[in-house]
PDB file of all heavy atoms in Angstrom:
ATOM      1  N   GLY A   1     124.180  72.968 175.974  1.00  0.00           N
ATOM      2  CA  GLY A   1     123.666  72.942 174.625  1.00  0.00           C
ATOM      3  C   GLY A   1     123.041  74.296 174.270  1.00  0.00           C
ATOM      4  O   GLY A   1     122.877  75.165 175.105  1.00  0.00           O
ATOM      5  N   ASP A   2     122.634  74.388 173.042  1.00  0.00           N
ATOM      6  CA  ASP A   2     121.992  75.571 172.527  1.00  0.00           C
ATOM      7  C   ASP A   2     120.495  75.532 172.864  1.00  0.00           C
ATOM      8  O   ASP A   2     119.680  75.005 172.100  1.00  0.00           O
ATOM      9  CB  ASP A   2     122.208  75.657 171.006  1.00  0.00           C
ATOM     10  CG  ASP A   2     121.643  76.911 170.388  1.00  0.00           C
ATOM     11  OD1 ASP A   2     120.920  77.679 171.082  1.00  0.00           O
ATOM     12  OD2 ASP A   2     121.895  77.121 169.177  1.00  0.00           O
ATOM     13  N   GLN A   3     120.156  76.084 174.048  1.00  0.00           N
ATOM     14  CA  GLN A   3     118.759  76.029 174.513  1.00  0.00           C
ATOM     15  C   GLN A   3     117.834  76.762 173.566  1.00  0.00           C
ATOM     16  O   GLN A   3     116.695  76.332 173.382  1.00  0.00           O
ATOM     17  CB  GLN A   3     118.673  76.608 175.941  1.00  0.00           C
ATOM     18  CG  GLN A   3     117.314  76.419 176.564  1.00  0.00           C
ATOM     19  CD  GLN A   3     116.963  74.950 176.752  1.00  0.00           C
ATOM     20  OE1 GLN A   3     117.768  74.165 177.222  1.00  0.00           O
ATOM     21  NE2 GLN A   3     115.740  74.579 176.397  1.00  0.00           N
ATOM     22  N   ALA A   4     118.276  77.843 172.972  1.00  0.00           N
ATOM     23  CA  ALA A   4     117.441  78.589 172.047  1.00  0.00           C
ATOM     24  C   ALA A   4     117.017  77.726 170.872  1.00  0.00           C
ATOM     25  O   ALA A   4     115.913  77.797 170.375  1.00  0.00           O
ATOM     26  CB  ALA A   4     118.128  79.866 171.581  1.00  0.00           C
ATOM     27  N   LYS A   5     117.967  76.896 170.392  1.00  0.00           N
ATOM     28  CA  LYS A   5     117.650  75.973 169.262  1.00  0.00           C
ATOM     29  C   LYS A   5     116.543  75.000 169.645  1.00  0.00           C
ATOM     30  O   LYS A   5     115.557  74.825 168.931  1.00  0.00           O
ATOM     31  CB  LYS A   5     118.912  75.225 168.850  1.00  0.00           C
ATOM     32  CG  LYS A   5     118.673  74.186 167.778  1.00  0.00           C
ATOM     33  CD  LYS A   5     119.955  73.412 167.472  1.00  0.00           C
ATOM     34  CE  LYS A   5     119.664  72.275 166.533  1.00  0.00           C
ATOM     35  NZ  LYS A   5     120.820  71.428 166.300  1.00  0.00           N
ATOM     36  N   LEU A   6     116.707  74.366 170.824  1.00  0.00           N
ATOM     37  CA  LEU A   6     115.688  73.429 171.302  1.00  0.00           C
ATOM     38  C   LEU A   6     114.325  74.135 171.518  1.00  0.00           C
ATOM     39  O   LEU A   6     113.310  73.612 171.148  1.00  0.00           O
ATOM     40  CB  LEU A   6     116.136  72.735 172.572  1.00  0.00           C
ATOM     41  CG  LEU A   6     117.121  71.596 172.445  1.00  0.00           C
ATOM     42  CD1 LEU A   6     117.452  71.003 173.806  1.00  0.00           C
ATOM     43  CD2 LEU A   6     116.644  70.516 171.501  1.00  0.00           C
ATOM     44  N   ASP A   7     114.384  75.326 172.108  1.00  0.00           N
ATOM     45  CA  ASP A   7     113.160  76.062 172.366  1.00  0.00           C
ATOM     46  C   ASP A   7     112.432  76.357 171.038  1.00  0.00           C
ATOM     47  O   ASP A   7     111.195  76.280 170.980  1.00  0.00           O
ATOM     48  CB  ASP A   7     113.452  77.392 173.085  1.00  0.00           C
ATOM     49  CG  ASP A   7     113.828  77.171 174.540  1.00  0.00           C
ATOM     50  OD1 ASP A   7     113.596  76.058 175.081  1.00  0.00           O
ATOM     51  OD2 ASP A   7     114.350  78.116 175.164  1.00  0.00           O
ATOM     52  N   GLY A   8     113.186  76.700 169.993  1.00  0.00           N
ATOM     53  CA  GLY A   8     112.575  76.971 168.697  1.00  0.00           C
ATOM     54  C   GLY A   8     111.898  75.751 168.101  1.00  0.00           C
ATOM     55  O   GLY A   8     110.786  75.838 167.565  1.00  0.00           O
ATOM     56  N   ILE A   9     112.549  74.606 168.226  1.00  0.00           N
ATOM     57  CA  ILE A   9     111.956  73.355 167.706  1.00  0.00           C
ATOM     58  C   ILE A   9     110.710  73.028 168.505  1.00  0.00           C
ATOM     59  O   ILE A   9     109.669  72.657 167.935  1.00  0.00           O
ATOM     60  CB  ILE A   9     112.977  72.196 167.775  1.00  0.00           C
ATOM     61  CG1 ILE A   9     114.173  72.471 166.875  1.00  0.00           C
ATOM     62  CG2 ILE A   9     112.323  70.884 167.380  1.00  0.00           C
ATOM     63  CD1 ILE A   9     115.358  71.550 167.102  1.00  0.00           C
ATOM     64  N   ILE A  10     110.785  73.155 169.832  1.00  0.00           N
ATOM     65  CA  ILE A  10     109.620  72.857 170.691  1.00  0.00           C
ATOM     66  C   ILE A  10     108.473  73.794 170.405  1.00  0.00           C
ATOM     67  O   ILE A  10     107.301  73.367 170.333  1.00  0.00           O
ATOM     68  CB  ILE A  10     110.039  72.885 172.182  1.00  0.00           C
ATOM     69  CG1 ILE A  10     110.991  71.722 172.474  1.00  0.00           C
ATOM     70  CG2 ILE A  10     108.835  72.877 173.104  1.00  0.00           C
ATOM     71  CD1 ILE A  10     111.704  71.822 173.810  1.00  0.00           C
ATOM     72  N   ASP A  11     108.756  75.086 170.236  1.00  0.00           N
ATOM     73  CA  ASP A  11     107.691  76.056 169.885  1.00  0.00           C
ATOM     74  C   ASP A  11     106.975  75.655 168.605  1.00  0.00           C
ATOM     75  O   ASP A  11     105.758  75.695 168.535  1.00  0.00           O
ATOM     76  CB  ASP A  11     108.261  77.455 169.755  1.00  0.00           C
ATOM     77  CG  ASP A  11     108.653  78.085 171.070  1.00  0.00           C
ATOM     78  OD1 ASP A  11     108.203  77.582 172.138  1.00  0.00           O
ATOM     79  OD2 ASP A  11     109.405  79.086 171.066  1.00  0.00           O
ATOM     80  N   GLN A  12     107.736  75.256 167.592  1.00  0.00           N
ATOM     81  CA  GLN A  12     107.155  74.820 166.325  1.00  0.00           C
ATOM     82  C   GLN A  12     106.299  73.587 166.521  1.00  0.00           C
ATOM     83  O   GLN A  12     105.208  73.477 166.008  1.00  0.00           O
ATOM     84  CB  GLN A  12     108.238  74.565 165.276  1.00  0.00           C
ATOM     85  CG  GLN A  12     107.664  74.113 163.916  1.00  0.00           C
ATOM     86  CD  GLN A  12     106.744  75.135 163.280  1.00  0.00           C
ATOM     87  OE1 GLN A  12     107.030  76.318 163.320  1.00  0.00           O
ATOM     88  NE2 GLN A  12     105.692  74.663 162.672  1.00  0.00           N
ATOM     89  N   LEU A  13     106.823  72.623 167.277  1.00  0.00           N
ATOM     90  CA  LEU A  13     106.065  71.399 167.587  1.00  0.00           C
ATOM     91  C   LEU A  13     104.736  71.733 168.293  1.00  0.00           C
ATOM     92  O   LEU A  13     103.695  71.139 167.982  1.00  0.00           O
ATOM     93  CB  LEU A  13     106.876  70.444 168.444  1.00  0.00           C
ATOM     94  CG  LEU A  13     107.935  69.595 167.707  1.00  0.00           C
ATOM     95  CD1 LEU A  13     108.891  68.965 168.699  1.00  0.00           C
ATOM     96  CD2 LEU A  13     107.297  68.575 166.789  1.00  0.00           C
ATOM     97  N   GLN A  14     104.786  72.661 169.242  1.00  0.00           N
ATOM     98  CA  GLN A  14     103.572  73.025 169.958  1.00  0.00           C
ATOM     99  C   GLN A  14     102.535  73.672 169.035  1.00  0.00           C
ATOM    100  O   GLN A  14     101.333  73.384 169.149  1.00  0.00           O
ATOM    101  CB  GLN A  14     103.902  73.959 171.125  1.00  0.00           C
ATOM    102  CG  GLN A  14     104.603  73.201 172.252  1.00  0.00           C
ATOM    103  CD  GLN A  14     105.041  74.129 173.384  1.00  0.00           C
ATOM    104  OE1 GLN A  14     105.385  75.285 173.170  1.00  0.00           O
ATOM    105  NE2 GLN A  14     105.054  73.604 174.588  1.00  0.00           N
ATOM    106  N   ARG A  15     103.002  74.479 168.090  1.00  0.00           N
ATOM    107  CA  ARG A  15     102.054  75.098 167.107  1.00  0.00           C
ATOM    108  C   ARG A  15     101.455  74.007 166.217  1.00  0.00           C
ATOM    109  O   ARG A  15     100.257  74.018 165.940  1.00  0.00           O
ATOM    110  CB  ARG A  15     102.764  76.164 166.271  1.00  0.00           C
ATOM    111  CG  ARG A  15     103.045  77.447 167.042  1.00  0.00           C
ATOM    112  CD  ARG A  15     103.511  78.610 166.139  1.00  0.00           C
ATOM    113  NE  ARG A  15     104.763  78.328 165.473  1.00  0.00           N
ATOM    114  CZ  ARG A  15     105.977  78.533 166.001  1.00  0.00           C
ATOM    115  NH1 ARG A  15     106.079  79.008 167.221  1.00  0.00           N
ATOM    116  NH2 ARG A  15     107.052  78.277 165.294  1.00  0.00           N
ATOM    117  N   GLN A  16     102.295  73.080 165.748  1.00  0.00           N
ATOM    118  CA  GLN A  16     101.802  72.000 164.896  1.00  0.00           C
ATOM    119  C   GLN A  16     100.797  71.137 165.683  1.00  0.00           C
ATOM    120  O   GLN A  16      99.766  70.718 165.134  1.00  0.00           O
ATOM    121  CB  GLN A  16     103.001  71.108 164.438  1.00  0.00           C
ATOM    122  CG  GLN A  16     103.893  71.801 163.427  1.00  0.00           C
ATOM    123  CD  GLN A  16     105.161  70.972 163.193  1.00  0.00           C
ATOM    124  OE1 GLN A  16     106.042  70.955 164.072  1.00  0.00           O
ATOM    125  NE2 GLN A  16     105.213  70.345 162.041  1.00  0.00           N
ATOM    126  N   TRP A  17     101.103  70.850 166.947  1.00  0.00           N
ATOM    127  CA  TRP A  17     100.195  70.058 167.782  1.00  0.00           C
ATOM    128  C   TRP A  17      98.838  70.707 167.923  1.00  0.00           C
ATOM    129  O   TRP A  17      97.818  70.092 167.740  1.00  0.00           O
ATOM    130  CB  TRP A  17     100.855  69.886 169.178  1.00  0.00           C
ATOM    131  CG  TRP A  17     100.128  68.985 170.090  1.00  0.00           C
ATOM    132  CD1 TRP A  17      99.059  69.271 170.877  1.00  0.00           C
ATOM    133  CD2 TRP A  17     100.430  67.583 170.306  1.00  0.00           C
ATOM    134  NE1 TRP A  17      98.668  68.174 171.582  1.00  0.00           N
ATOM    135  CE2 TRP A  17      99.514  67.127 171.247  1.00  0.00           C
ATOM    136  CE3 TRP A  17     101.400  66.719 169.801  1.00  0.00           C
ATOM    137  CZ2 TRP A  17      99.502  65.813 171.703  1.00  0.00           C
ATOM    138  CZ3 TRP A  17     101.399  65.427 170.260  1.00  0.00           C
ATOM    139  CH2 TRP A  17     100.461  64.962 171.205  1.00  0.00           C
ATOM    140  N   LYS A  18      98.852  72.021 168.214  1.00  0.00           N
ATOM    141  CA  LYS A  18      97.622  72.772 168.380  1.00  0.00           C
ATOM    142  C   LYS A  18      96.788  72.733 167.093  1.00  0.00           C
ATOM    143  O   LYS A  18      95.567  72.546 167.131  1.00  0.00           O
ATOM    144  CB  LYS A  18      97.959  74.238 168.767  1.00  0.00           C
ATOM    145  CG  LYS A  18      96.771  75.135 168.949  1.00  0.00           C
ATOM    146  CD  LYS A  18      96.144  74.956 170.300  1.00  0.00           C
ATOM    147  CE  LYS A  18      95.137  76.038 170.545  1.00  0.00           C
ATOM    148  NZ  LYS A  18      94.478  75.911 171.816  1.00  0.00           N
ATOM    149  N   THR A  19      97.457  72.883 165.938  1.00  0.00           N
ATOM    150  CA  THR A  19      96.750  72.864 164.663  1.00  0.00           C
ATOM    151  C   THR A  19      96.147  71.462 164.403  1.00  0.00           C
ATOM    152  O   THR A  19      94.996  71.331 164.001  1.00  0.00           O
ATOM    153  CB  THR A  19      97.703  73.255 163.517  1.00  0.00           C
ATOM    154  OG1 THR A  19      98.166  74.590 163.780  1.00  0.00           O
ATOM    155  CG2 THR A  19      97.008  73.173 162.177  1.00  0.00           C
ATOM    156  N   LYS A  20      96.939  70.417 164.597  1.00  0.00           N
ATOM    157  CA  LYS A  20      96.478  69.069 164.269  1.00  0.00           C
ATOM    158  C   LYS A  20      95.460  68.515 165.245  1.00  0.00           C
ATOM    159  O   LYS A  20      94.468  67.904 164.856  1.00  0.00           O
ATOM    160  CB  LYS A  20      97.687  68.111 164.200  1.00  0.00           C
ATOM    161  CG  LYS A  20      97.292  66.693 163.795  1.00  0.00           C
ATOM    162  CD  LYS A  20      98.455  65.871 163.386  1.00  0.00           C
ATOM    163  CE  LYS A  20      98.057  64.486 162.958  1.00  0.00           C
ATOM    164  NZ  LYS A  20      97.780  64.348 161.557  1.00  0.00           N
ATOM    165  N   TYR A  21      95.681  68.734 166.540  1.00  0.00           N
ATOM    166  CA  TYR A  21      94.827  68.111 167.542  1.00  0.00           C
ATOM    167  C   TYR A  21      93.865  69.054 168.237  1.00  0.00           C
ATOM    168  O   TYR A  21      93.105  68.682 169.105  1.00  0.00           O
ATOM    169  CB  TYR A  21      95.659  67.381 168.589  1.00  0.00           C
ATOM    170  CG  TYR A  21      96.548  66.302 167.973  1.00  0.00           C
ATOM    171  CD1 TYR A  21      97.911  66.455 167.909  1.00  0.00           C
ATOM    172  CD2 TYR A  21      95.983  65.163 167.412  1.00  0.00           C
ATOM    173  CE1 TYR A  21      98.716  65.484 167.342  1.00  0.00           C
ATOM    174  CE2 TYR A  21      96.757  64.185 166.823  1.00  0.00           C
ATOM    175  CZ  TYR A  21      98.148  64.361 166.782  1.00  0.00           C
ATOM    176  OH  TYR A  21      98.891  63.420 166.200  1.00  0.00           O
ATOM    177  N   ASN A  22      93.913  70.327 167.848  1.00  0.00           N
ATOM    178  CA  ASN A  22      93.001  71.355 168.340  1.00  0.00           C
ATOM    179  C   ASN A  22      93.056  71.466 169.898  1.00  0.00           C
ATOM    180  O   ASN A  22      92.016  71.673 170.532  1.00  0.00           O
ATOM    181  CB  ASN A  22      91.555  71.114 167.879  1.00  0.00           C
ATOM    182  CG  ASN A  22      90.721  72.367 167.968  1.00  0.00           C
ATOM    183  OD1 ASN A  22      91.224  73.464 167.833  1.00  0.00           O
ATOM    184  ND2 ASN A  22      89.424  72.172 168.184  1.00  0.00           N
ATOM    185  N   GLN A  23      94.255  71.303 170.439  1.00  0.00           N
ATOM    186  CA  GLN A  23      94.462  71.459 171.868  1.00  0.00           C
ATOM    187  C   GLN A  23      95.956  71.659 172.112  1.00  0.00           C
ATOM    188  O   GLN A  23      96.777  71.325 171.305  1.00  0.00           O
ATOM    189  CB  GLN A  23      93.968  70.255 172.670  1.00  0.00           C
ATOM    190  CG  GLN A  23      94.646  68.945 172.318  1.00  0.00           C
ATOM    191  CD  GLN A  23      94.053  67.784 173.094  1.00  0.00           C
ATOM    192  OE1 GLN A  23      94.585  67.470 174.162  1.00  0.00           O
ATOM    193  NE2 GLN A  23      93.016  67.159 172.578  1.00  0.00           N
ATOM    194  N   ASP A  24      96.227  72.259 173.281  1.00  0.00           N
ATOM    195  CA  ASP A  24      97.638  72.429 173.649  1.00  0.00           C
ATOM    196  C   ASP A  24      98.229  71.094 174.034  1.00  0.00           C
ATOM    197  O   ASP A  24      97.528  70.195 174.511  1.00  0.00           O
ATOM    198  CB  ASP A  24      97.764  73.375 174.868  1.00  0.00           C
ATOM    199  CG  ASP A  24      97.375  74.825 174.492  1.00  0.00           C
ATOM    200  OD1 ASP A  24      97.585  75.238 173.336  1.00  0.00           O
ATOM    201  OD2 ASP A  24      96.868  75.524 175.380  1.00  0.00           O
ATOM    202  N   PHE A  25      99.562  70.959 173.856  1.00  0.00           N
ATOM    203  CA  PHE A  25     100.265  69.795 174.338  1.00  0.00           C
ATOM    204  C   PHE A  25     100.386  69.893 175.845  1.00  0.00           C
ATOM    205  O   PHE A  25     101.026  70.779 176.385  1.00  0.00           O
ATOM    206  CB  PHE A  25     101.666  69.736 173.710  1.00  0.00           C
ATOM    207  CG  PHE A  25     102.465  68.538 174.097  1.00  0.00           C
ATOM    208  CD1 PHE A  25     102.381  67.373 173.286  1.00  0.00           C
ATOM    209  CD2 PHE A  25     103.215  68.498 175.217  1.00  0.00           C
ATOM    210  CE1 PHE A  25     103.101  66.236 173.656  1.00  0.00           C
ATOM    211  CE2 PHE A  25     103.921  67.372 175.602  1.00  0.00           C
ATOM    212  CZ  PHE A  25     103.873  66.230 174.812  1.00  0.00           C
TER     213      PHE A  25
END
């Protein structure tokens, strides 16, 4: 699969997580 695509989605999710929950996933 396109690992770069998944990595991009995961990076965005991690930023959203940090913003919402004030901690790293």
